[in-house]
Amino acid sequence: TIDLLLTDVVLRESSGPEVYEQLRALGILPKVLYMSGYTGDVVLHHGVLEEGVQFLQKPLSYSALATKIRQVLDAT
């Protein structure tokens, strides 16, 4: 099983939300944490700034990443 999908919002040939939807289509429903170094406008275009979507802005520290991953995995 996949417990967590950690993905960038903008990928070379796809996007983080598209990867998540591909997993869902296969019946895999992981929790998801998006991250990006792009500005809010680019991220907003990909729909990941909606309420309830977990997101981290880059650059970030290892500590911030670890803390956020723990929060996402512990959330119901």
PDB file of N, CA and C in Angstrom:
ATOM      1  N   THR A   1       0.841  -1.197   0.000  1.00  0.00           N
ATOM      2  CA  THR A   1       0.000   0.000   0.000  1.00  0.00           C
ATOM      3  C   THR A   1       0.876   1.247   0.000  1.00  0.00           C
ATOM      4  N   ILE A   2       0.303   2.310  -0.445  1.00  0.00           N
ATOM      5  CA  ILE A   2       0.974   3.611  -0.432  1.00  0.00           C
ATOM      6  C   ILE A   2       0.243   4.468   0.598  1.00  0.00           C
ATOM      7  N   ASP A   3       0.945   4.888   1.629  1.00  0.00           N
ATOM      8  CA  ASP A   3       0.324   5.695   2.679  1.00  0.00           C
ATOM      9  C   ASP A   3       0.334   7.182   2.362  1.00  0.00           C
ATOM     10  N   LEU A   4       1.379   7.636   1.642  1.00  0.00           N
ATOM     11  CA  LEU A   4       1.523   9.068   1.391  1.00  0.00           C
ATOM     12  C   LEU A   4       2.143   9.292   0.026  1.00  0.00           C
ATOM     13  N   LEU A   5       1.529  10.179  -0.737  1.00  0.00           N
ATOM     14  CA  LEU A   5       2.102  10.660  -1.983  1.00  0.00           C
ATOM     15  C   LEU A   5       2.679  12.037  -1.691  1.00  0.00           C
ATOM     16  N   LEU A   6       3.991  12.153  -1.797  1.00  0.00           N
ATOM     17  CA  LEU A   6       4.682  13.433  -1.641  1.00  0.00           C
ATOM     18  C   LEU A   6       5.143  13.827  -3.025  1.00  0.00           C
ATOM     19  N   THR A   7       4.585  14.891  -3.569  1.00  0.00           N
ATOM     20  CA  THR A   7       4.873  15.258  -4.945  1.00  0.00           C
ATOM     21  C   THR A   7       4.909  16.757  -5.131  1.00  0.00           C
ATOM     22  N   ASP A   8       5.707  17.167  -6.097  1.00  0.00           N
ATOM     23  CA  ASP A   8       5.715  18.559  -6.488  1.00  0.00           C
ATOM     24  C   ASP A   8       4.418  18.835  -7.233  1.00  0.00           C
ATOM     25  N   VAL A   9       3.970  20.059  -7.221  1.00  0.00           N
ATOM     26  CA  VAL A   9       2.760  20.431  -7.945  1.00  0.00           C
ATOM     27  C   VAL A   9       3.017  20.364  -9.445  1.00  0.00           C
ATOM     28  N   VAL A  10       4.122  20.951  -9.879  1.00  0.00           N
ATOM     29  CA  VAL A  10       4.453  21.025 -11.300  1.00  0.00           C
ATOM     30  C   VAL A  10       5.554  20.021 -11.593  1.00  0.00           C
ATOM     31  N   LEU A  11       5.261  19.075 -12.481  1.00  0.00           N
ATOM     32  CA  LEU A  11       6.229  18.065 -12.896  1.00  0.00           C
ATOM     33  C   LEU A  11       6.550  18.264 -14.377  1.00  0.00           C
ATOM     34  N   ARG A  12       7.619  17.670 -14.823  1.00  0.00           N
ATOM     35  CA  ARG A  12       8.077  17.869 -16.199  1.00  0.00           C
ATOM     36  C   ARG A  12       7.006  17.515 -17.229  1.00  0.00           C
ATOM     37  N   GLU A  13       6.400  16.346 -17.097  1.00  0.00           N
ATOM     38  CA  GLU A  13       5.430  15.907 -18.098  1.00  0.00           C
ATOM     39  C   GLU A  13       4.028  15.693 -17.526  1.00  0.00           C
ATOM     40  N   SER A  14       3.815  16.151 -16.324  1.00  0.00           N
ATOM     41  CA  SER A  14       2.535  15.930 -15.668  1.00  0.00           C
ATOM     42  C   SER A  14       2.396  16.958 -14.552  1.00  0.00           C
ATOM     43  N   SER A  15       1.554  16.652 -13.602  1.00  0.00           N
ATOM     44  CA  SER A  15       1.430  17.488 -12.401  1.00  0.00           C
ATOM     45  C   SER A  15       1.147  16.577 -11.222  1.00  0.00           C
ATOM     46  N   GLY A  16       1.420  17.075 -10.042  1.00  0.00           N
ATOM     47  CA  GLY A  16       1.134  16.304  -8.839  1.00  0.00           C
ATOM     48  C   GLY A  16      -0.322  15.874  -8.756  1.00  0.00           C
ATOM     49  N   PRO A  17      -1.261  16.794  -8.997  1.00  0.00           N
ATOM     50  CA  PRO A  17      -2.667  16.390  -8.963  1.00  0.00           C
ATOM     51  C   PRO A  17      -3.003  15.311 -10.002  1.00  0.00           C
ATOM     52  N   GLU A  18      -2.366  15.345 -11.173  1.00  0.00           N
ATOM     53  CA  GLU A  18      -2.611  14.306 -12.173  1.00  0.00           C
ATOM     54  C   GLU A  18      -2.093  12.948 -11.686  1.00  0.00           C
ATOM     55  N   VAL A  19      -0.935  12.938 -11.052  1.00  0.00           N
ATOM     56  CA  VAL A  19      -0.393  11.695 -10.506  1.00  0.00           C
ATOM     57  C   VAL A  19      -1.347  11.136  -9.458  1.00  0.00           C
ATOM     58  N   TYR A  20      -1.853  12.008  -8.596  1.00  0.00           N
ATOM     59  CA  TYR A  20      -2.802  11.572  -7.569  1.00  0.00           C
ATOM     60  C   TYR A  20      -4.055  10.967  -8.215  1.00  0.00           C
ATOM     61  N   GLU A  21      -4.571  11.610  -9.247  1.00  0.00           N
ATOM     62  CA  GLU A  21      -5.770  11.097  -9.914  1.00  0.00           C
ATOM     63  C   GLU A  21      -5.504   9.752 -10.591  1.00  0.00           C
ATOM     64  N   GLN A  22      -4.308   9.559 -11.117  1.00  0.00           N
ATOM     65  CA  GLN A  22      -3.952   8.271 -11.718  1.00  0.00           C
ATOM     66  C   GLN A  22      -3.938   7.173 -10.655  1.00  0.00           C
ATOM     67  N   LEU A  23      -3.423   7.482  -9.489  1.00  0.00           N
ATOM     68  CA  LEU A  23      -3.428   6.512  -8.391  1.00  0.00           C
ATOM     69  C   LEU A  23      -4.860   6.190  -7.966  1.00  0.00           C
ATOM     70  N   ARG A  24      -5.679   7.225  -7.851  1.00  0.00           N
ATOM     71  CA  ARG A  24      -7.089   7.016  -7.476  1.00  0.00           C
ATOM     72  C   ARG A  24      -7.802   6.114  -8.468  1.00  0.00           C
ATOM     73  N   ALA A  25      -7.504   6.297  -9.751  1.00  0.00           N
ATOM     74  CA  ALA A  25      -8.124   5.480 -10.793  1.00  0.00           C
ATOM     75  C   ALA A  25      -7.748   4.005 -10.648  1.00  0.00           C
ATOM     76  N   LEU A  26      -6.600   3.752 -10.040  1.00  0.00           N
ATOM     77  CA  LEU A  26      -6.157   2.383  -9.789  1.00  0.00           C
ATOM     78  C   LEU A  26      -6.678   1.838  -8.462  1.00  0.00           C
ATOM     79  N   GLY A  27      -7.452   2.646  -7.751  1.00  0.00           N
ATOM     80  CA  GLY A  27      -7.997   2.224  -6.468  1.00  0.00           C
ATOM     81  C   GLY A  27      -7.052   2.458  -5.306  1.00  0.00           C
ATOM     82  N   ILE A  28      -6.000   3.220  -5.547  1.00  0.00           N
ATOM     83  CA  ILE A  28      -5.027   3.545  -4.500  1.00  0.00           C
ATOM     84  C   ILE A  28      -5.372   4.931  -3.977  1.00  0.00           C
ATOM     85  N   LEU A  29      -5.629   5.038  -2.683  1.00  0.00           N
ATOM     86  CA  LEU A  29      -6.086   6.301  -2.111  1.00  0.00           C
ATOM     87  C   LEU A  29      -5.145   6.789  -1.005  1.00  0.00           C
ATOM     88  N   PRO A  30      -3.934   7.203  -1.373  1.00  0.00           N
ATOM     89  CA  PRO A  30      -3.020   7.672  -0.337  1.00  0.00           C
ATOM     90  C   PRO A  30      -3.372   9.082   0.111  1.00  0.00           C
ATOM     91  N   LYS A  31      -2.884   9.438   1.273  1.00  0.00           N
ATOM     92  CA  LYS A  31      -2.912  10.837   1.663  1.00  0.00           C
ATOM     93  C   LYS A  31      -1.897  11.524   0.761  1.00  0.00           C
ATOM     94  N   VAL A  32      -2.066  12.820   0.547  1.00  0.00           N
ATOM     95  CA  VAL A  32      -1.188  13.513  -0.396  1.00  0.00           C
ATOM     96  C   VAL A  32      -0.682  14.817   0.205  1.00  0.00           C
ATOM     97  N   LEU A  33       0.585  15.096  -0.048  1.00  0.00           N
ATOM     98  CA  LEU A  33       1.219  16.343   0.362  1.00  0.00           C
ATOM     99  C   LEU A  33       1.909  16.915  -0.859  1.00  0.00           C
ATOM    100  N   TYR A  34       1.457  18.087  -1.272  1.00  0.00           N
ATOM    101  CA  TYR A  34       2.041  18.767  -2.417  1.00  0.00           C
ATOM    102  C   TYR A  34       3.070  19.775  -1.939  1.00  0.00           C
ATOM    103  N   MET A  35       4.046  20.041  -2.803  1.00  0.00           N
ATOM    104  CA  MET A  35       5.019  21.089  -2.513  1.00  0.00           C
ATOM    105  C   MET A  35       5.372  21.784  -3.817  1.00  0.00           C
ATOM    106  N   SER A  36       5.851  23.018  -3.699  1.00  0.00           N
ATOM    107  CA  SER A  36       6.230  23.752  -4.891  1.00  0.00           C
ATOM    108  C   SER A  36       7.109  24.936  -4.528  1.00  0.00           C
ATOM    109  N   GLY A  37       7.953  25.277  -5.468  1.00  0.00           N
ATOM    110  CA  GLY A  37       8.761  26.482  -5.359  1.00  0.00           C
ATOM    111  C   GLY A  37       8.188  27.601  -6.202  1.00  0.00           C
ATOM    112  N   TYR A  38       7.115  27.310  -6.942  1.00  0.00           N
ATOM    113  CA  TYR A  38       6.473  28.320  -7.771  1.00  0.00           C
ATOM    114  C   TYR A  38       5.641  29.276  -6.923  1.00  0.00           C
ATOM    115  N   THR A  39       5.285  30.388  -7.518  1.00  0.00           N
ATOM    116  CA  THR A  39       4.463  31.383  -6.830  1.00  0.00           C
ATOM    117  C   THR A  39       3.034  30.868  -6.657  1.00  0.00           C
ATOM    118  N   GLY A  40       2.301  31.548  -5.825  1.00  0.00           N
ATOM    119  CA  GLY A  40       0.923  31.164  -5.539  1.00  0.00           C
ATOM    120  C   GLY A  40       0.044  31.093  -6.771  1.00  0.00           C
ATOM    121  N   ASP A  41       0.267  31.980  -7.762  1.00  0.00           N
ATOM    122  CA  ASP A  41      -0.558  31.974  -8.972  1.00  0.00           C
ATOM    123  C   ASP A  41      -0.413  30.670  -9.740  1.00  0.00           C
ATOM    124  N   VAL A  42       0.805  30.172  -9.883  1.00  0.00           N
ATOM    125  CA  VAL A  42       1.038  28.919 -10.599  1.00  0.00           C
ATOM    126  C   VAL A  42       0.431  27.762  -9.822  1.00  0.00           C
ATOM    127  N   VAL A  43       0.633  27.750  -8.526  1.00  0.00           N
ATOM    128  CA  VAL A  43       0.099  26.682  -7.682  1.00  0.00           C
ATOM    129  C   VAL A  43      -1.424  26.715  -7.699  1.00  0.00           C
ATOM    130  N   LEU A  44      -2.000  27.897  -7.629  1.00  0.00           N
ATOM    131  CA  LEU A  44      -3.454  28.052  -7.664  1.00  0.00           C
ATOM    132  C   LEU A  44      -4.026  27.490  -8.958  1.00  0.00           C
ATOM    133  N   HIS A  45      -3.326  27.690 -10.052  1.00  0.00           N
ATOM    134  CA  HIS A  45      -3.764  27.182 -11.360  1.00  0.00           C
ATOM    135  C   HIS A  45      -3.912  25.664 -11.341  1.00  0.00           C
ATOM    136  N   HIS A  46      -3.124  24.975 -10.551  1.00  0.00           N
ATOM    137  CA  HIS A  46      -3.179  23.516 -10.469  1.00  0.00           C
ATOM    138  C   HIS A  46      -4.170  23.022  -9.410  1.00  0.00           C
ATOM    139  N   GLY A  47      -4.842  23.932  -8.719  1.00  0.00           N
ATOM    140  CA  GLY A  47      -5.919  23.565  -7.814  1.00  0.00           C
ATOM    141  C   GLY A  47      -5.508  22.988  -6.483  1.00  0.00           C
ATOM    142  N   VAL A  48      -4.277  23.220  -6.037  1.00  0.00           N
ATOM    143  CA  VAL A  48      -3.860  22.614  -4.782  1.00  0.00           C
ATOM    144  C   VAL A  48      -3.919  23.570  -3.593  1.00  0.00           C
ATOM    145  N   LEU A  49      -4.435  24.758  -3.791  1.00  0.00           N
ATOM    146  CA  LEU A  49      -4.569  25.666  -2.661  1.00  0.00           C
ATOM    147  C   LEU A  49      -5.997  25.679  -2.118  1.00  0.00           C
ATOM    148  N   GLU A  50      -6.761  24.680  -2.505  1.00  0.00           N
ATOM    149  CA  GLU A  50      -8.123  24.564  -2.007  1.00  0.00           C
ATOM    150  C   GLU A  50      -8.112  24.113  -0.554  1.00  0.00           C
ATOM    151  N   GLU A  51      -9.193  24.375   0.138  1.00  0.00           N
ATOM    152  CA  GLU A  51      -9.301  23.988   1.547  1.00  0.00           C
ATOM    153  C   GLU A  51      -9.143  22.482   1.705  1.00  0.00           C
ATOM    154  N   GLY A  52      -8.378  22.085   2.693  1.00  0.00           N
ATOM    155  CA  GLY A  52      -8.172  20.681   2.985  1.00  0.00           C
ATOM    156  C   GLY A  52      -7.010  20.040   2.252  1.00  0.00           C
ATOM    157  N   VAL A  53      -6.431  20.734   1.279  1.00  0.00           N
ATOM    158  CA  VAL A  53      -5.287  20.202   0.544  1.00  0.00           C
ATOM    159  C   VAL A  53      -4.020  20.567   1.304  1.00  0.00           C
ATOM    160  N   GLN A  54      -3.167  19.583   1.525  1.00  0.00           N
ATOM    161  CA  GLN A  54      -1.930  19.802   2.279  1.00  0.00           C
ATOM    162  C   GLN A  54      -0.832  20.277   1.330  1.00  0.00           C
ATOM    163  N   PHE A  55      -0.168  21.383   1.700  1.00  0.00           N
ATOM    164  CA  PHE A  55       0.794  22.023   0.807  1.00  0.00           C
ATOM    165  C   PHE A  55       1.949  22.620   1.605  1.00  0.00           C
ATOM    166  N   LEU A  56       3.147  22.511   1.035  1.00  0.00           N
ATOM    167  CA  LEU A  56       4.347  23.141   1.593  1.00  0.00           C
ATOM    168  C   LEU A  56       5.008  23.985   0.516  1.00  0.00           C
ATOM    169  N   GLN A  57       5.404  25.189   0.876  1.00  0.00           N
ATOM    170  CA  GLN A  57       6.118  26.070  -0.048  1.00  0.00           C
ATOM    171  C   GLN A  57       7.612  25.823   0.068  1.00  0.00           C
ATOM    172  N   LYS A  58       8.302  25.647  -1.067  1.00  0.00           N
ATOM    173  CA  LYS A  58       9.758  25.506  -1.073  1.00  0.00           C
ATOM    174  C   LYS A  58      10.379  26.893  -1.164  1.00  0.00           C
ATOM    175  N   PRO A  59      11.566  27.089  -0.690  1.00  0.00           N
ATOM    176  CA  PRO A  59      12.404  26.105  -0.004  1.00  0.00           C
ATOM    177  C   PRO A  59      11.876  25.828   1.403  1.00  0.00           C
ATOM    178  N   LEU A  60      12.211  24.659   1.899  1.00  0.00           N
ATOM    179  CA  LEU A  60      11.775  24.267   3.231  1.00  0.00           C
ATOM    180  C   LEU A  60      12.887  23.485   3.910  1.00  0.00           C
ATOM    181  N   SER A  61      12.804  23.422   5.209  1.00  0.00           N
ATOM    182  CA  SER A  61      13.818  22.692   5.975  1.00  0.00           C
ATOM    183  C   SER A  61      13.400  21.224   6.115  1.00  0.00           C
ATOM    184  N   TYR A  62      14.361  20.371   6.409  1.00  0.00           N
ATOM    185  CA  TYR A  62      14.043  18.967   6.673  1.00  0.00           C
ATOM    186  C   TYR A  62      13.088  18.849   7.849  1.00  0.00           C
ATOM    187  N   SER A  63      13.280  19.681   8.835  1.00  0.00           N
ATOM    188  CA  SER A  63      12.423  19.657  10.013  1.00  0.00           C
ATOM    189  C   SER A  63      10.977  19.998   9.655  1.00  0.00           C
ATOM    190  N   ALA A  64      10.793  21.039   8.837  1.00  0.00           N
ATOM    191  CA  ALA A  64       9.446  21.431   8.421  1.00  0.00           C
ATOM    192  C   ALA A  64       8.800  20.322   7.595  1.00  0.00           C
ATOM    193  N   LEU A  65       9.585  19.690   6.729  1.00  0.00           N
ATOM    194  CA  LEU A  65       9.071  18.588   5.915  1.00  0.00           C
ATOM    195  C   LEU A  65       8.652  17.416   6.799  1.00  0.00           C
ATOM    196  N   ALA A  66       9.507  17.033   7.724  1.00  0.00           N
ATOM    197  CA  ALA A  66       9.199  15.915   8.616  1.00  0.00           C
ATOM    198  C   ALA A  66       7.966  16.193   9.456  1.00  0.00           C
ATOM    199  N   THR A  67       7.858  17.409   9.960  1.00  0.00           N
ATOM    200  CA  THR A  67       6.703  17.791  10.779  1.00  0.00           C
ATOM    201  C   THR A  67       5.409  17.719   9.967  1.00  0.00           C
ATOM    202  N   LYS A  68       5.458  18.236   8.756  1.00  0.00           N
ATOM    203  CA  LYS A  68       4.252  18.253   7.922  1.00  0.00           C
ATOM    204  C   LYS A  68       3.863  16.830   7.507  1.00  0.00           C
ATOM    205  N   ILE A  69       4.834  16.004   7.167  1.00  0.00           N
ATOM    206  CA  ILE A  69       4.537  14.611   6.813  1.00  0.00           C
ATOM    207  C   ILE A  69       3.859  13.911   7.988  1.00  0.00           C
ATOM    208  N   ARG A  70       4.374  14.110   9.186  1.00  0.00           N
ATOM    209  CA  ARG A  70       3.767  13.493  10.373  1.00  0.00           C
ATOM    210  C   ARG A  70       2.332  13.983  10.549  1.00  0.00           C
ATOM    211  N   GLN A  71       2.090  15.290  10.359  1.00  0.00           N
ATOM    212  CA  GLN A  71       0.744  15.843  10.497  1.00  0.00           C
ATOM    213  C   GLN A  71      -0.218  15.216   9.484  1.00  0.00           C
ATOM    214  N   VAL A  72       0.234  15.088   8.249  1.00  0.00           N
ATOM    215  CA  VAL A  72      -0.625  14.524   7.204  1.00  0.00           C
ATOM    216  C   VAL A  72      -0.922  13.059   7.483  1.00  0.00           C
ATOM    217  N   LEU A  73       0.086  12.298   7.870  1.00  0.00           N
ATOM    218  CA  LEU A  73      -0.138  10.880   8.141  1.00  0.00           C
ATOM    219  C   LEU A  73      -1.021  10.656   9.367  1.00  0.00           C
ATOM    220  N   ASP A  74      -0.937  11.549  10.353  1.00  0.00           N
ATOM    221  CA  ASP A  74      -1.736  11.402  11.577  1.00  0.00           C
ATOM    222  C   ASP A  74      -3.177  11.898  11.421  1.00  0.00           C
ATOM    223  N   ALA A  75      -3.425  12.698  10.385  1.00  0.00           N
ATOM    224  CA  ALA A  75      -4.766  13.243  10.180  1.00  0.00           C
ATOM    225  C   ALA A  75      -5.739  12.127   9.768  1.00  0.00           C
ATOM    226  N   THR A  76      -6.968  12.253  10.236  1.00  0.00           N
ATOM    227  CA  THR A  76      -7.960  11.242   9.884  1.00  0.00           C
ATOM    228  C   THR A  76      -8.667  11.564   8.589  1.00  0.00           C
TER     229      THR A  76
END
